[in-house]
Amino acid sequence: MNKKVISYLLGKVCIGVAIALLLPLILTLHYKESIYIDFLKVIVITVCGGLVFLNYANNPNTKDTTVREWICVVVFGWILAAVFSSLPYVFAGVLNPVDAYFESMSGLTTTGITAITNIDNLPKSLLFWRSLTGWLGGIASIVVFIAILPMFPGTSVYLFNSEASGNAKVGVLPRMKDSAITLLAIYFVLSLILAIVLMFLGLSPFEAVNYACSTISTTGFGIHDSNMAYWENSIILYITALFMILAGGNFALYYQAMRKGFKVLWQDMEFKGYLYGIVIIAFLITANVFCVYGGTLFHDISNSYFQTISFASTTGYTISDYNSWPSFSKLLLGLLLFTGGCSGSAASGLKIGRVIVLVKILFLELKRILHPQMLISVMYNKRALSVASIVNLSRFFFVYILVVILFSFPLAAAGLPPEEALFGSASCLSNNGPAFGMLGAVNAYAALPMVTKMLMCVGMLLGRLEIFIVLAMVSKEFWRSTKRW
């Protein structure tokens, strides 16, 4: 393993975080906030950390980089970025070190759960930093799974990523750098458009930028304690819902749509399944809520669709007390905590493409019982999936459910009822944010024990990096210097 390459790239990560910290520093000066000195300290510390890594690396040959180096950089890079990103909360006296790390990991993994109990009183620069960490984490995850890992075909990690796990591979550009720039451009343009539209609807530039960052990244960080319920303008909610749908889609697919027309979107089985799922589940929730409680049908439709889109895209915005909904409706929302969004998006979870293939496998196995000699292929987007992809997908599904169950035990140990602990764990692994019961509130995670929060940080990272990328580092073979992947 080339440690110098890893150190070099980690040094670049630190420098990148330091550059990002300049933006909230500028805001502190604009709004004349006294914590500007705290951001200066953090920038200096982060730059020094980056220089230490770069000095050790001493200009290595980055061309001789294998998938092992990239795995280390991705995993350690997220952990390291969360450490430096947490320092502004600590230096400003807002959170203790554990809660600050929890907050920054929540942002960088686009989970959106918070340990802050009084968001409205936070300095604007810290509010923006929360949203910015989510925005950076969102584009980082898209680049990792579309531009970086696909550069290593045939490796175990590539087989585990979202494209090879039952999703049609939608290439962007042949070179990693070009792909990353293209994806960043699409991501930035969507964020900019949403910010401009929100400003046109009456939000201040500060509010519009924060919500644009949180929406496109599927983080769901709000700048008010009441989250999206703060806004009484229905048009704001409709626009936000539309962009949440786009944020949960495949960004590589959007590039293909720009080149070949929007028919590409409708031809993709995953994107169609994603939209159909939202429509059907929201309809069932609306019917259930209206039949049980009555009320205004239009209001029930609006709340049902917004909350369904929020869960389906793993954004985690809340506009109503869905904890008071009937059990059937809550169970449907709980299902979305597992499915997640599309591959190639900032959303996490099992991914819609995988779920579609799993359902296909189920029906084909039932057919195989009736016709044992029949040769059956699993078709996805008009191509037959390989046996390796099917086995890999089944393995991923088993491990994902197992990890959700295992992570529910610390939540249960913290005093949560079994069902709340299970859905809370699923929400953590899918990087959705809110769950049910006590964990359905915006700032409910602040009351959890510190040990539980640290374990949830591990869960958020596992969910963000699709589990196997992190688990691969546990293998002895991974660390053998003579083994070239």
Protein backbone atom coordinates (compact mmCIF):
# COMPACT_ATOMS: atom_id res chain seq x y z
CA MET A 1 0.00 0.00 0.00
CA ASN A 2 1.32 3.42 -0.98
CA LYS A 3 1.09 5.37 2.29
CA LYS A 4 2.57 8.50 0.73
CA VAL A 5 -0.23 8.68 -1.82
CA ILE A 6 -2.79 8.30 0.95
CA SER A 7 -1.09 11.02 3.00
CA TYR A 8 -0.91 13.30 -0.04
CA LEU A 9 -4.61 12.95 -0.81
CA LEU A 10 -5.60 13.34 2.86
CA GLY A 11 -3.54 16.52 2.91
CA LYS A 12 -5.55 17.75 -0.05
CA VAL A 13 -8.76 16.94 1.85
CA CYS A 14 -7.58 19.07 4.79
CA ILE A 15 -6.69 21.98 2.49
CA GLY A 16 -10.11 21.65 0.84
CA VAL A 17 -11.86 21.87 4.21
CA ALA A 18 -9.77 24.93 5.09
CA ILE A 19 -10.77 26.63 1.84
CA ALA A 20 -14.44 25.83 2.51
CA LEU A 21 -14.10 27.40 5.98
CA LEU A 22 -13.27 30.71 4.33
CA LEU A 23 -16.92 31.11 3.30
CA PRO A 24 -18.40 31.15 6.85
CA LEU A 25 -15.44 33.31 7.90
CA ILE A 26 -16.51 35.90 5.33
CA LEU A 27 -20.05 35.69 6.70
CA THR A 28 -18.83 36.41 10.23
CA LEU A 29 -17.28 39.62 8.94
CA HIS A 30 -20.38 40.52 6.93
CA TYR A 31 -22.74 40.00 9.87
CA LYS A 32 -20.17 41.35 12.36
CA GLU A 33 -20.21 38.19 14.47
CA SER A 34 -17.63 37.85 17.20
CA ILE A 35 -16.80 34.22 16.36
CA TYR A 36 -14.68 35.22 13.36
CA ILE A 37 -11.61 34.57 15.50
CA ASP A 38 -12.84 31.01 16.10
CA PHE A 39 -13.06 30.34 12.37
CA LEU A 40 -9.59 31.80 11.90
CA LYS A 41 -8.22 29.39 14.52
CA VAL A 42 -9.91 26.43 12.86
CA ILE A 43 -8.56 27.42 9.42
CA VAL A 44 -5.01 27.66 10.79
CA ILE A 45 -5.30 24.29 12.54
CA THR A 46 -6.76 22.64 9.45
CA VAL A 47 -4.08 24.05 7.15
CA CYS A 48 -1.36 22.90 9.55
CA GLY A 49 -2.88 19.43 9.60
CA GLY A 50 -2.92 19.38 5.81
CA LEU A 51 0.70 20.53 5.60
CA VAL A 52 1.75 17.73 7.94
CA PHE A 53 0.19 15.16 5.60
CA LEU A 54 1.63 16.82 2.50
CA ASN A 55 5.08 17.07 4.05
CA TYR A 56 5.08 13.36 4.82
CA ALA A 57 3.92 12.54 1.30
CA ASN A 58 6.66 14.63 -0.35
CA ASN A 59 5.13 14.68 -3.86
CA PRO A 60 4.43 10.97 -4.44
CA ASN A 61 3.65 9.34 -7.78
CA THR A 62 -0.16 9.41 -7.79
CA LYS A 63 -0.33 7.45 -11.06
CA ASP A 64 0.50 4.24 -9.21
CA THR A 65 -2.74 4.38 -7.23
CA THR A 66 -4.87 1.29 -6.67
CA VAL A 67 -8.34 0.85 -5.25
CA ARG A 68 -6.89 0.25 -1.77
CA GLU A 69 -5.46 3.75 -1.64
CA TRP A 70 -8.78 5.21 -2.74
CA ILE A 71 -10.66 3.23 -0.10
CA CYS A 72 -8.35 4.55 2.60
CA VAL A 73 -8.64 8.10 1.31
CA VAL A 74 -12.44 7.92 1.11
CA VAL A 75 -12.92 6.43 4.60
CA PHE A 76 -10.19 8.34 6.42
CA GLY A 77 -10.98 11.47 4.42
CA TRP A 78 -14.58 11.50 5.67
CA ILE A 79 -13.45 10.88 9.25
CA LEU A 80 -10.75 13.54 9.05
CA ALA A 81 -13.04 16.09 7.40
CA ALA A 82 -15.61 15.50 10.17
CA VAL A 83 -12.94 16.17 12.81
CA PHE A 84 -11.90 19.53 11.37
CA SER A 85 -15.49 20.44 10.46
CA SER A 86 -16.51 19.96 14.09
CA LEU A 87 -14.02 22.49 15.46
CA PRO A 88 -16.12 25.63 14.74
CA TYR A 89 -18.91 24.29 16.98
CA VAL A 90 -16.41 23.56 19.76
CA PHE A 91 -14.49 26.83 19.56
CA ALA A 92 -17.73 28.84 19.42
CA GLY A 93 -18.90 27.09 22.61
CA VAL A 94 -22.05 25.74 20.95
CA LEU A 95 -21.35 22.01 21.39
CA ASN A 96 -18.99 19.74 23.29
CA PRO A 97 -16.44 17.77 21.19
CA VAL A 98 -18.57 14.60 20.93
CA ASP A 99 -21.74 16.47 19.93
CA ALA A 100 -19.73 18.64 17.54
CA TYR A 101 -18.29 15.57 15.81
CA PHE A 102 -21.78 14.06 15.66
CA GLU A 103 -23.08 17.27 14.05
CA SER A 104 -20.32 17.47 11.46
CA MET A 105 -20.53 13.76 10.58
CA SER A 106 -24.29 14.18 10.21
CA GLY A 107 -23.68 16.99 7.75
CA LEU A 108 -20.90 15.36 5.73
CA THR A 109 -22.87 12.12 5.39
CA THR A 110 -25.99 14.16 4.43
CA THR A 111 -27.95 12.59 7.30
CA GLY A 112 -29.22 15.86 8.75
CA ILE A 113 -29.80 14.80 12.36
CA THR A 114 -28.66 17.36 14.90
CA ALA A 115 -27.40 17.63 18.46
CA ILE A 116 -28.28 21.33 18.62
CA THR A 117 -31.37 22.14 20.67
CA ASN A 118 -31.81 25.82 19.80
CA ILE A 119 -31.10 26.28 16.11
CA ASP A 120 -32.79 29.69 15.84
CA ASN A 121 -30.20 31.25 18.16
CA LEU A 122 -27.13 29.99 16.30
CA PRO A 123 -24.87 32.56 14.61
CA LYS A 124 -25.59 32.75 10.90
CA SER A 125 -22.06 31.72 10.01
CA LEU A 126 -22.46 28.44 11.93
CA LEU A 127 -25.85 27.83 10.34
CA PHE A 128 -24.29 28.27 6.92
CA TRP A 129 -21.39 25.98 7.86
CA ARG A 130 -23.89 23.24 8.80
CA SER A 131 -25.58 23.53 5.42
CA LEU A 132 -22.26 23.75 3.57
CA THR A 133 -20.93 20.54 5.14
CA GLY A 134 -24.01 18.76 3.85
CA TRP A 135 -23.58 20.26 0.38
CA LEU A 136 -19.92 19.21 0.25
CA GLY A 137 -20.73 15.73 1.54
CA GLY A 138 -23.41 15.33 -1.12
CA ILE A 139 -21.18 16.12 -4.09
CA ALA A 140 -18.34 14.08 -2.57
CA SER A 141 -20.52 10.97 -2.39
CA ILE A 142 -21.73 11.44 -5.98
CA VAL A 143 -18.17 11.80 -7.28
CA VAL A 144 -16.93 8.78 -5.30
CA PHE A 145 -19.59 6.40 -6.64
CA ILE A 146 -19.79 7.69 -10.22
CA ALA A 147 -16.34 9.07 -11.05
CA ILE A 148 -13.81 7.35 -8.77
CA LEU A 149 -14.78 3.75 -7.93
CA PRO A 150 -15.94 2.88 -11.47
CA MET A 151 -12.33 3.55 -12.57
CA PHE A 152 -11.41 0.22 -10.95
CA PRO A 153 -13.51 -2.41 -12.81
CA GLY A 154 -13.18 -5.98 -11.61
CA THR A 155 -12.37 -5.06 -8.02
CA SER A 156 -14.53 -6.15 -5.13
CA VAL A 157 -15.36 -2.56 -4.23
CA TYR A 158 -16.63 -1.81 -7.74
CA LEU A 159 -18.89 -4.86 -7.54
CA PHE A 160 -20.29 -3.50 -4.32
CA ASN A 161 -21.02 -0.02 -5.57
CA SER A 162 -24.40 1.16 -6.71
CA GLU A 163 -23.93 0.74 -10.46
CA ALA A 164 -22.78 -2.90 -10.41
CA SER A 165 -25.18 -3.92 -7.68
CA GLY A 166 -28.06 -4.28 -10.07
CA ASN A 167 -28.15 -0.83 -11.63
CA ALA A 168 -27.44 -0.05 -15.22
CA LYS A 169 -24.05 1.58 -15.49
CA VAL A 170 -24.50 5.11 -16.74
CA GLY A 171 -21.04 6.37 -17.56
CA VAL A 172 -20.38 10.07 -17.62
CA LEU A 173 -16.97 10.68 -19.17
CA PRO A 174 -13.99 8.34 -19.50
CA ARG A 175 -11.62 10.45 -17.38
CA MET A 176 -12.10 10.76 -13.64
CA LYS A 177 -11.33 14.48 -13.56
CA ASP A 178 -13.73 15.30 -16.39
CA SER A 179 -16.48 13.22 -14.78
CA ALA A 180 -16.02 14.95 -11.44
CA ILE A 181 -16.16 18.41 -13.04
CA THR A 182 -19.29 17.51 -15.02
CA LEU A 183 -21.09 16.16 -11.95
CA LEU A 184 -20.06 19.19 -9.90
CA ALA A 185 -21.39 21.50 -12.60
CA ILE A 186 -24.82 19.79 -12.63
CA TYR A 187 -24.91 19.75 -8.82
CA PHE A 188 -23.95 23.43 -8.60
CA VAL A 189 -26.41 24.55 -11.28
CA LEU A 190 -29.32 22.78 -9.56
CA SER A 191 -28.32 24.40 -6.26
CA LEU A 192 -28.07 27.83 -7.89
CA ILE A 193 -31.43 27.52 -9.64
CA LEU A 194 -33.17 26.51 -6.42
CA ALA A 195 -31.55 29.36 -4.49
CA ILE A 196 -32.66 31.91 -7.10
CA VAL A 197 -36.22 30.55 -7.17
CA LEU A 198 -36.45 30.63 -3.38
CA MET A 199 -35.23 34.23 -3.31
CA PHE A 200 -37.87 35.08 -5.91
CA LEU A 201 -40.47 33.55 -3.55
CA GLY A 202 -39.46 35.87 -0.72
CA LEU A 203 -36.60 34.18 1.12
CA SER A 204 -33.54 36.21 1.96
CA PRO A 205 -30.32 35.29 0.10
CA PHE A 206 -28.99 33.71 3.30
CA GLU A 207 -32.10 31.56 3.77
CA ALA A 208 -32.28 30.62 0.09
CA VAL A 209 -28.65 29.49 -0.10
CA ASN A 210 -28.93 27.44 3.09
CA TYR A 211 -32.05 25.61 1.95
CA ALA A 212 -30.66 25.10 -1.54
CA CYS A 213 -27.54 23.47 -0.06
CA SER A 214 -29.57 21.26 2.26
CA THR A 215 -32.08 20.25 -0.40
CA ILE A 216 -29.81 19.36 -3.31
CA SER A 217 -27.48 17.44 -0.98
CA THR A 218 -30.49 15.64 0.63
CA THR A 219 -29.19 16.71 4.04
CA GLY A 220 -32.35 18.34 5.35
CA PHE A 221 -30.66 20.77 7.72
CA GLY A 222 -33.06 23.61 8.49
CA ILE A 223 -32.12 27.00 9.90
CA HIS A 224 -35.17 27.07 12.18
CA ASP A 225 -36.21 24.77 15.01
CA SER A 226 -39.51 24.02 13.26
CA ASN A 227 -37.70 22.97 10.06
CA MET A 228 -39.86 23.40 6.93
CA ALA A 229 -43.00 23.98 8.99
CA TYR A 230 -41.60 27.49 9.51
CA TRP A 231 -42.69 28.40 5.98
CA GLU A 232 -46.40 28.94 5.51
CA ASN A 233 -46.05 29.60 1.78
CA SER A 234 -47.21 26.44 -0.01
CA ILE A 235 -45.35 27.35 -3.20
CA ILE A 236 -42.04 27.25 -1.30
CA LEU A 237 -42.87 23.73 -0.16
CA TYR A 238 -43.89 22.63 -3.67
CA ILE A 239 -40.67 23.96 -5.21
CA THR A 240 -38.60 22.35 -2.47
CA ALA A 241 -40.41 19.05 -3.02
CA LEU A 242 -39.67 19.19 -6.76
CA PHE A 243 -35.95 19.71 -6.15
CA MET A 244 -35.92 16.98 -3.50
CA ILE A 245 -37.14 14.61 -6.22
CA LEU A 246 -34.34 15.77 -8.51
CA ALA A 247 -31.78 15.45 -5.71
CA GLY A 248 -32.78 11.82 -5.17
CA GLY A 249 -32.25 10.97 -8.85
CA ASN A 250 -29.14 9.80 -10.69
CA PHE A 251 -26.91 12.76 -11.59
CA ALA A 252 -25.12 10.75 -14.28
CA LEU A 253 -28.53 10.10 -15.80
CA TYR A 254 -29.18 13.86 -15.85
CA TYR A 255 -26.01 14.29 -17.88
CA GLN A 256 -27.24 11.69 -20.35
CA ALA A 257 -30.60 13.50 -20.49
CA MET A 258 -28.82 16.75 -21.37
CA ARG A 259 -27.09 15.03 -24.28
CA LYS A 260 -29.85 12.72 -25.57
CA GLY A 261 -33.06 14.33 -24.38
CA PHE A 262 -35.32 13.89 -21.38
CA LYS A 263 -36.70 10.62 -22.75
CA VAL A 264 -33.62 9.03 -21.18
CA LEU A 265 -35.10 9.67 -17.75
CA TRP A 266 -38.31 7.82 -18.52
CA GLN A 267 -36.44 4.95 -20.15
CA ASP A 268 -34.49 4.30 -16.94
CA MET A 269 -36.21 1.63 -14.83
CA GLU A 270 -34.81 2.98 -11.56
CA PHE A 271 -35.95 6.57 -12.10
CA LYS A 272 -39.43 5.41 -13.13
CA GLY A 273 -39.64 3.16 -10.09
CA TYR A 274 -38.54 6.07 -7.92
CA LEU A 275 -41.33 8.31 -9.22
CA TYR A 276 -43.97 5.57 -9.17
CA GLY A 277 -43.04 4.72 -5.59
CA ILE A 278 -43.48 8.32 -4.46
CA VAL A 279 -46.86 8.68 -6.18
CA ILE A 280 -48.27 5.38 -4.93
CA ILE A 281 -47.07 5.66 -1.34
CA ALA A 282 -48.16 9.29 -1.03
CA PHE A 283 -51.60 8.37 -2.40
CA LEU A 284 -51.98 5.54 0.14
CA ILE A 285 -50.91 7.81 2.99
CA THR A 286 -53.31 10.53 1.89
CA ALA A 287 -56.20 8.08 1.71
CA ASN A 288 -55.32 6.58 5.08
CA VAL A 289 -54.95 9.93 6.88
CA PHE A 290 -58.12 11.37 5.32
CA CYS A 291 -60.22 8.29 6.09
CA VAL A 292 -59.04 8.04 9.70
CA TYR A 293 -58.96 11.70 10.70
CA GLY A 294 -60.93 13.51 8.02
CA GLY A 295 -59.86 17.12 7.66
CA THR A 296 -59.09 19.02 4.48
CA LEU A 297 -58.26 16.76 1.56
CA PHE A 298 -55.97 19.31 -0.13
CA HIS A 299 -54.04 19.81 3.13
CA ASP A 300 -53.68 16.04 3.58
CA ILE A 301 -52.45 15.64 0.00
CA SER A 302 -49.86 18.40 0.41
CA ASN A 303 -48.51 17.05 3.68
CA SER A 304 -48.51 13.44 2.50
CA TYR A 305 -46.67 14.12 -0.74
CA PHE A 306 -44.12 16.45 0.83
CA GLN A 307 -43.32 14.04 3.65
CA THR A 308 -43.19 11.07 1.27
CA ILE A 309 -40.80 12.89 -1.07
CA SER A 310 -38.69 13.94 1.90
CA PHE A 311 -38.35 10.32 3.09
CA ALA A 312 -37.96 8.84 -0.41
CA SER A 313 -35.09 11.20 -1.26
CA THR A 314 -33.59 10.75 2.26
CA THR A 315 -33.67 14.53 2.71
CA GLY A 316 -35.51 14.35 6.02
CA TYR A 317 -37.37 17.65 5.98
CA THR A 318 -40.48 17.76 8.17
CA ILE A 319 -43.56 19.97 7.82
CA SER A 320 -46.07 18.18 10.03
CA ASP A 321 -46.31 15.86 13.02
CA TYR A 322 -46.32 12.61 11.05
CA ASN A 323 -45.94 10.77 14.37
CA SER A 324 -49.67 11.37 14.86
CA TRP A 325 -50.52 9.69 11.53
CA PRO A 326 -52.13 6.22 11.53
CA SER A 327 -49.84 3.22 11.92
CA PHE A 328 -50.33 2.21 8.28
CA SER A 329 -49.05 5.58 7.06
CA LYS A 330 -46.06 5.49 9.40
CA LEU A 331 -45.22 1.98 8.24
CA LEU A 332 -45.17 3.19 4.62
CA LEU A 333 -42.80 6.00 5.58
CA GLY A 334 -40.71 3.45 7.48
CA LEU A 335 -40.41 1.41 4.29
CA LEU A 336 -38.85 4.44 2.58
CA LEU A 337 -36.18 4.54 5.29
CA PHE A 338 -34.85 1.31 3.79
CA THR A 339 -35.29 1.91 0.06
CA GLY A 340 -33.56 5.29 -0.22
CA GLY A 341 -33.15 7.16 -3.51
CA CYS A 342 -31.51 6.35 -6.87
CA SER A 343 -27.94 5.30 -7.50
CA GLY A 344 -25.67 8.14 -8.53
CA SER A 345 -27.44 10.59 -6.21
CA ALA A 346 -26.61 12.09 -2.83
CA ALA A 347 -29.31 9.86 -1.32
CA SER A 348 -28.39 6.70 0.57
CA GLY A 349 -30.28 3.54 1.52
CA LEU A 350 -30.61 0.29 -0.42
CA LYS A 351 -31.29 2.31 -3.60
CA ILE A 352 -34.36 1.88 -5.79
CA GLY A 353 -32.49 -0.03 -8.49
CA ARG A 354 -31.44 -2.70 -6.04
CA VAL A 355 -34.97 -3.00 -4.68
CA ILE A 356 -36.35 -3.47 -8.20
CA VAL A 357 -33.84 -6.23 -8.94
CA LEU A 358 -34.53 -7.94 -5.61
CA VAL A 359 -38.25 -8.03 -6.44
CA LYS A 360 -37.46 -9.44 -9.88
CA ILE A 361 -35.28 -12.13 -8.31
CA LEU A 362 -38.12 -13.05 -5.95
CA PHE A 363 -40.65 -13.54 -8.76
CA LEU A 364 -38.17 -15.43 -10.92
CA GLU A 365 -37.37 -17.79 -8.06
CA LEU A 366 -41.08 -18.46 -7.64
CA LYS A 367 -41.24 -19.27 -11.36
CA ARG A 368 -38.19 -21.51 -11.03
CA ILE A 369 -40.09 -23.62 -8.48
CA LEU A 370 -42.71 -24.41 -11.13
CA HIS A 371 -40.16 -24.83 -13.93
CA PRO A 372 -36.88 -26.14 -12.40
CA GLN A 373 -35.18 -26.70 -15.78
CA MET A 374 -35.97 -23.27 -17.17
CA LEU A 375 -33.04 -20.92 -17.79
CA ILE A 376 -34.08 -17.56 -16.42
CA SER A 377 -32.20 -14.28 -16.64
CA VAL A 378 -32.78 -11.23 -14.49
CA MET A 379 -33.31 -8.32 -16.85
CA TYR A 380 -32.66 -4.73 -15.85
CA ASN A 381 -32.86 -1.81 -18.29
CA LYS A 382 -32.99 -4.28 -21.21
CA ARG A 383 -29.82 -6.14 -20.22
CA ALA A 384 -29.29 -9.42 -18.42
CA LEU A 385 -27.49 -9.10 -15.11
CA SER A 386 -24.51 -11.31 -14.47
CA VAL A 387 -24.56 -13.96 -11.77
CA ALA A 388 -21.84 -12.02 -9.93
CA SER A 389 -24.04 -8.91 -9.81
CA ILE A 390 -27.02 -10.87 -8.50
CA VAL A 391 -24.97 -12.63 -5.84
CA ASN A 392 -23.37 -9.34 -4.87
CA LEU A 393 -26.73 -7.61 -4.61
CA SER A 394 -28.16 -10.39 -2.43
CA ARG A 395 -25.10 -10.22 -0.21
CA PHE A 396 -25.38 -6.47 0.11
CA PHE A 397 -29.07 -6.71 1.04
CA PHE A 398 -28.35 -9.29 3.75
CA VAL A 399 -25.49 -7.27 5.26
CA TYR A 400 -27.47 -4.02 5.07
CA ILE A 401 -30.43 -5.47 6.99
CA LEU A 402 -28.05 -7.13 9.47
CA VAL A 403 -26.27 -3.83 10.16
CA VAL A 404 -29.61 -2.04 10.63
CA ILE A 405 -30.59 -4.61 13.24
CA LEU A 406 -27.24 -4.47 15.02
CA PHE A 407 -27.29 -0.68 15.22
CA SER A 408 -30.79 -0.72 16.67
CA PHE A 409 -29.46 -2.28 19.90
CA PRO A 410 -27.50 0.81 21.07
CA LEU A 411 -30.62 2.91 20.48
CA ALA A 412 -32.71 0.43 22.46
CA ALA A 413 -30.08 0.52 25.21
CA ALA A 414 -30.50 4.32 25.28
CA GLY A 415 -34.13 3.77 26.34
CA LEU A 416 -36.00 3.81 23.03
CA PRO A 417 -38.85 1.33 22.37
CA PRO A 418 -37.88 -1.51 20.00
CA GLU A 419 -39.77 -0.15 16.96
CA GLU A 420 -38.33 3.34 17.41
CA ALA A 421 -34.83 1.90 17.81
CA LEU A 422 -35.19 -0.20 14.64
CA PHE A 423 -36.51 2.63 12.46
CA GLY A 424 -34.00 5.03 14.04
CA SER A 425 -31.21 2.68 13.02
CA ALA A 426 -32.65 2.41 9.49
CA SER A 427 -32.84 6.20 9.30
CA CYS A 428 -29.22 6.47 10.39
CA LEU A 429 -28.00 3.91 7.83
CA SER A 430 -30.04 5.49 5.04
CA ASN A 431 -28.80 8.97 6.06
CA ASN A 432 -32.40 10.14 6.17
CA GLY A 433 -32.44 11.88 9.56
CA PRO A 434 -35.79 11.84 11.37
CA ALA A 435 -37.47 8.55 12.26
CA PHE A 436 -40.43 7.98 14.58
CA GLY A 437 -41.44 8.58 18.17
CA MET A 438 -38.78 10.43 20.12
CA LEU A 439 -36.49 10.42 17.06
CA GLY A 440 -39.15 12.02 14.89
CA ALA A 441 -38.48 15.46 16.34
CA VAL A 442 -35.97 17.74 14.63
CA ASN A 443 -33.52 17.98 17.54
CA ALA A 444 -34.38 14.76 19.39
CA TYR A 445 -30.95 13.20 18.91
CA ALA A 446 -29.43 15.74 21.30
CA ALA A 447 -30.81 13.78 24.25
CA LEU A 448 -29.06 10.51 23.32
CA PRO A 449 -26.05 9.35 25.38
CA MET A 450 -22.63 10.30 24.00
CA VAL A 451 -21.62 6.67 23.44
CA THR A 452 -24.76 6.14 21.37
CA LYS A 453 -23.99 9.24 19.31
CA MET A 454 -20.49 8.01 18.51
CA LEU A 455 -21.87 4.63 17.43
CA MET A 456 -24.38 6.46 15.26
CA CYS A 457 -21.48 8.34 13.66
CA VAL A 458 -20.12 4.95 12.62
CA GLY A 459 -23.57 4.01 11.33
CA MET A 460 -23.88 7.22 9.32
CA LEU A 461 -20.46 6.64 7.76
CA LEU A 462 -21.31 3.01 6.93
CA GLY A 463 -24.54 4.13 5.27
CA ARG A 464 -22.89 6.92 3.34
CA LEU A 465 -20.11 4.69 1.98
CA GLU A 466 -22.39 1.70 1.32
CA ILE A 467 -21.03 -0.49 4.13
CA PHE A 468 -18.59 -2.70 2.20
CA ILE A 469 -16.14 0.11 1.50
CA VAL A 470 -15.67 0.50 5.25
CA LEU A 471 -15.84 -3.22 6.04
CA ALA A 472 -13.22 -3.99 3.38
CA MET A 473 -10.65 -2.30 5.61
CA VAL A 474 -11.29 -4.88 8.35
CA SER A 475 -9.92 -7.66 6.14
CA LYS A 476 -6.30 -8.74 6.73
CA GLU A 477 -5.81 -9.07 3.00
CA PHE A 478 -6.54 -5.39 2.60
CA TRP A 479 -3.44 -4.42 4.58
CA ARG A 480 -0.99 -6.86 2.97
CA SER A 481 1.66 -4.74 1.31
CA THR A 482 2.39 -7.41 -1.31
CA LYS A 483 -1.23 -7.67 -2.45
CA ARG A 484 -2.14 -5.41 -5.39
CA TRP A 485 -5.89 -4.99 -5.91
